[in-house]
């Protein structure tokens, strides 16, 4: 089963996937080509989730302060 989470803003899907790939590359985590994360270690999955959450909070803080530019 693919992720059961639904995006509130579907147009953000591509940006979130890009963020996931960048996080995996930076952390040295291999993203499964088939999209099945069952073989990814809990530590790696947690690292990815934590990194992505940290980046999303950082982006939101920058947007709220008027300082975000892509």
N, C-alpha and C. Protein backbone atom coordinates (compact mmCIF):
# COMPACT_ATOMS: atom_id res chain seq x y z
N UNK A 1 0.85 -1.17 0.00
CA UNK A 1 0.00 0.00 0.00
C UNK A 1 0.90 1.23 0.00
N UNK A 2 0.66 2.09 -0.95
CA UNK A 2 1.39 3.36 -0.98
C UNK A 2 0.92 4.20 0.20
N UNK A 3 1.51 5.36 0.38
CA UNK A 3 1.15 6.20 1.51
C UNK A 3 -0.34 6.50 1.55
N UNK A 4 -0.92 6.50 2.73
CA UNK A 4 -2.35 6.77 2.87
C UNK A 4 -2.62 8.24 3.16
N UNK A 5 -1.58 9.02 3.31
CA UNK A 5 -1.76 10.45 3.56
C UNK A 5 -2.17 11.14 2.27
N UNK A 6 -3.13 12.04 2.39
CA UNK A 6 -3.55 12.81 1.23
C UNK A 6 -3.08 14.25 1.42
N UNK A 7 -2.58 14.83 0.35
CA UNK A 7 -2.09 16.20 0.41
C UNK A 7 -3.26 17.17 0.45
N UNK A 8 -3.14 18.19 1.26
CA UNK A 8 -4.15 19.24 1.31
C UNK A 8 -4.04 20.08 0.04
N UNK A 9 -2.81 20.28 -0.43
CA UNK A 9 -2.56 21.02 -1.66
C UNK A 9 -1.91 20.04 -2.65
N UNK A 10 -2.71 19.38 -3.50
CA UNK A 10 -2.16 18.37 -4.41
C UNK A 10 -1.04 18.88 -5.30
N UNK A 11 -1.04 20.17 -5.61
CA UNK A 11 0.00 20.73 -6.48
C UNK A 11 1.38 20.69 -5.80
N UNK A 12 1.42 20.43 -4.51
CA UNK A 12 2.69 20.39 -3.78
C UNK A 12 3.39 19.04 -3.91
N UNK A 13 2.76 18.09 -4.54
CA UNK A 13 3.29 16.73 -4.63
C UNK A 13 4.70 16.68 -5.20
N UNK A 14 4.92 17.35 -6.31
CA UNK A 14 6.23 17.33 -6.96
C UNK A 14 7.30 17.97 -6.07
N UNK A 15 6.97 19.07 -5.43
CA UNK A 15 7.93 19.75 -4.55
C UNK A 15 8.27 18.87 -3.35
N UNK A 16 7.28 18.18 -2.80
CA UNK A 16 7.53 17.29 -1.66
C UNK A 16 8.38 16.09 -2.06
N UNK A 17 8.12 15.55 -3.25
CA UNK A 17 8.96 14.45 -3.73
C UNK A 17 10.40 14.91 -3.93
N UNK A 18 10.58 16.12 -4.45
CA UNK A 18 11.93 16.66 -4.64
C UNK A 18 12.62 16.84 -3.28
N UNK A 19 11.87 17.32 -2.30
CA UNK A 19 12.42 17.49 -0.95
C UNK A 19 12.84 16.15 -0.37
N UNK A 20 12.03 15.11 -0.62
CA UNK A 20 12.34 13.77 -0.13
C UNK A 20 13.63 13.26 -0.76
N UNK A 21 13.78 13.47 -2.07
CA UNK A 21 14.99 13.02 -2.76
C UNK A 21 16.23 13.76 -2.27
N UNK A 22 16.10 15.07 -2.07
CA UNK A 22 17.22 15.87 -1.57
C UNK A 22 17.61 15.42 -0.15
N UNK A 23 16.61 15.15 0.68
CA UNK A 23 16.88 14.71 2.04
C UNK A 23 17.59 13.36 2.02
N UNK A 24 17.12 12.45 1.21
CA UNK A 24 17.74 11.12 1.12
C UNK A 24 19.18 11.23 0.64
N UNK A 25 19.41 12.07 -0.35
CA UNK A 25 20.77 12.23 -0.86
C UNK A 25 21.68 12.81 0.21
N UNK A 26 21.21 13.83 0.91
CA UNK A 26 22.03 14.47 1.94
C UNK A 26 22.34 13.51 3.09
N UNK A 27 21.37 12.66 3.43
CA UNK A 27 21.54 11.73 4.56
C UNK A 27 22.16 10.40 4.14
N UNK A 28 22.32 10.18 2.82
CA UNK A 28 22.90 8.93 2.34
C UNK A 28 21.94 7.75 2.44
N UNK A 29 20.64 8.03 2.37
CA UNK A 29 19.62 6.98 2.43
C UNK A 29 19.19 6.63 1.02
N UNK A 30 19.13 5.35 0.73
CA UNK A 30 18.73 4.88 -0.60
C UNK A 30 17.21 4.87 -0.69
N UNK A 31 16.64 5.60 -1.66
CA UNK A 31 15.19 5.61 -1.89
C UNK A 31 14.86 4.41 -2.76
N UNK A 32 13.90 3.58 -2.34
CA UNK A 32 13.53 2.42 -3.16
C UNK A 32 12.90 2.84 -4.48
N UNK A 33 13.36 2.24 -5.58
CA UNK A 33 12.85 2.59 -6.90
C UNK A 33 11.38 2.22 -7.06
N UNK A 34 10.93 1.18 -6.36
CA UNK A 34 9.55 0.74 -6.51
C UNK A 34 8.59 1.47 -5.56
N UNK A 35 9.12 2.36 -4.72
CA UNK A 35 8.28 3.12 -3.80
C UNK A 35 7.91 2.38 -2.53
N UNK A 36 8.36 1.14 -2.37
CA UNK A 36 8.05 0.34 -1.18
C UNK A 36 9.13 0.59 -0.13
N UNK A 37 8.72 1.15 1.00
CA UNK A 37 9.67 1.51 2.05
C UNK A 37 9.78 0.45 3.13
N UNK A 38 9.17 -0.72 2.93
CA UNK A 38 9.19 -1.78 3.93
C UNK A 38 10.58 -2.30 4.23
N UNK A 39 11.50 -2.14 3.30
CA UNK A 39 12.87 -2.63 3.50
C UNK A 39 13.83 -1.53 3.96
N UNK A 40 13.31 -0.33 4.17
CA UNK A 40 14.13 0.78 4.67
C UNK A 40 14.15 0.67 6.20
N UNK A 41 15.33 0.80 6.78
CA UNK A 41 15.42 0.66 8.23
C UNK A 41 14.64 1.77 8.94
N UNK A 42 14.19 1.46 10.13
CA UNK A 42 13.46 2.42 10.94
C UNK A 42 14.29 3.67 11.17
N UNK A 43 15.57 3.47 11.41
CA UNK A 43 16.47 4.61 11.65
C UNK A 43 16.53 5.51 10.43
N UNK A 44 16.68 4.92 9.23
CA UNK A 44 16.75 5.72 8.00
C UNK A 44 15.43 6.43 7.72
N UNK A 45 14.32 5.72 7.89
CA UNK A 45 13.01 6.33 7.66
C UNK A 45 12.77 7.48 8.64
N UNK A 46 13.15 7.29 9.88
CA UNK A 46 13.00 8.34 10.89
C UNK A 46 13.89 9.54 10.59
N UNK A 47 15.09 9.27 10.12
CA UNK A 47 16.00 10.36 9.75
C UNK A 47 15.42 11.18 8.61
N UNK A 48 14.86 10.48 7.61
CA UNK A 48 14.25 11.19 6.49
C UNK A 48 13.07 12.03 6.95
N UNK A 49 12.20 11.44 7.74
CA UNK A 49 11.03 12.16 8.23
C UNK A 49 11.41 13.37 9.07
N UNK A 50 12.39 13.20 9.93
CA UNK A 50 12.84 14.31 10.77
C UNK A 50 13.47 15.43 9.96
N UNK A 51 14.27 15.06 8.98
CA UNK A 51 14.92 16.05 8.12
C UNK A 51 13.89 16.83 7.33
N UNK A 52 12.94 16.11 6.74
CA UNK A 52 11.90 16.75 5.94
C UNK A 52 11.06 17.69 6.81
N UNK A 53 10.69 17.24 8.00
CA UNK A 53 9.91 18.09 8.91
C UNK A 53 10.69 19.34 9.27
N UNK A 54 11.96 19.19 9.56
CA UNK A 54 12.81 20.33 9.90
C UNK A 54 12.85 21.33 8.75
N UNK A 55 13.01 20.84 7.51
CA UNK A 55 13.07 21.72 6.35
C UNK A 55 11.72 22.41 6.11
N UNK A 56 10.61 21.68 6.28
CA UNK A 56 9.29 22.28 6.07
C UNK A 56 9.02 23.37 7.10
N UNK A 57 9.43 23.15 8.34
CA UNK A 57 9.27 24.18 9.37
C UNK A 57 10.13 25.39 9.02
N UNK A 58 11.34 25.15 8.57
CA UNK A 58 12.23 26.24 8.19
C UNK A 58 11.63 27.06 7.04
N UNK A 59 11.07 26.39 6.04
CA UNK A 59 10.45 27.08 4.91
C UNK A 59 9.27 27.90 5.40
N UNK A 60 8.43 27.32 6.25
CA UNK A 60 7.26 28.04 6.78
C UNK A 60 7.68 29.26 7.58
N UNK A 61 8.71 29.13 8.41
CA UNK A 61 9.19 30.27 9.20
C UNK A 61 9.69 31.38 8.28
N UNK A 62 10.41 31.00 7.23
CA UNK A 62 10.92 32.00 6.29
C UNK A 62 9.80 32.69 5.54
N UNK A 63 8.77 31.92 5.16
CA UNK A 63 7.63 32.53 4.46
C UNK A 63 6.87 33.47 5.39
N UNK A 64 6.71 33.08 6.64
CA UNK A 64 5.99 33.93 7.60
C UNK A 64 6.76 35.21 7.86
N UNK A 65 8.07 35.15 7.81
CA UNK A 65 8.86 36.35 8.06
C UNK A 65 9.10 37.14 6.76
N UNK A 66 8.63 36.61 5.63
CA UNK A 66 8.78 37.31 4.36
C UNK A 66 10.14 37.11 3.72
N UNK A 67 10.92 36.13 4.18
CA UNK A 67 12.26 35.98 3.67
C UNK A 67 12.52 34.78 2.80
N UNK A 68 11.47 34.07 2.34
CA UNK A 68 11.68 32.86 1.55
C UNK A 68 11.72 33.17 0.07
N UNK A 69 12.73 32.63 -0.60
CA UNK A 69 12.85 32.73 -2.06
C UNK A 69 13.31 31.40 -2.58
N UNK A 70 12.62 30.91 -3.63
CA UNK A 70 13.02 29.63 -4.24
C UNK A 70 13.99 29.84 -5.34
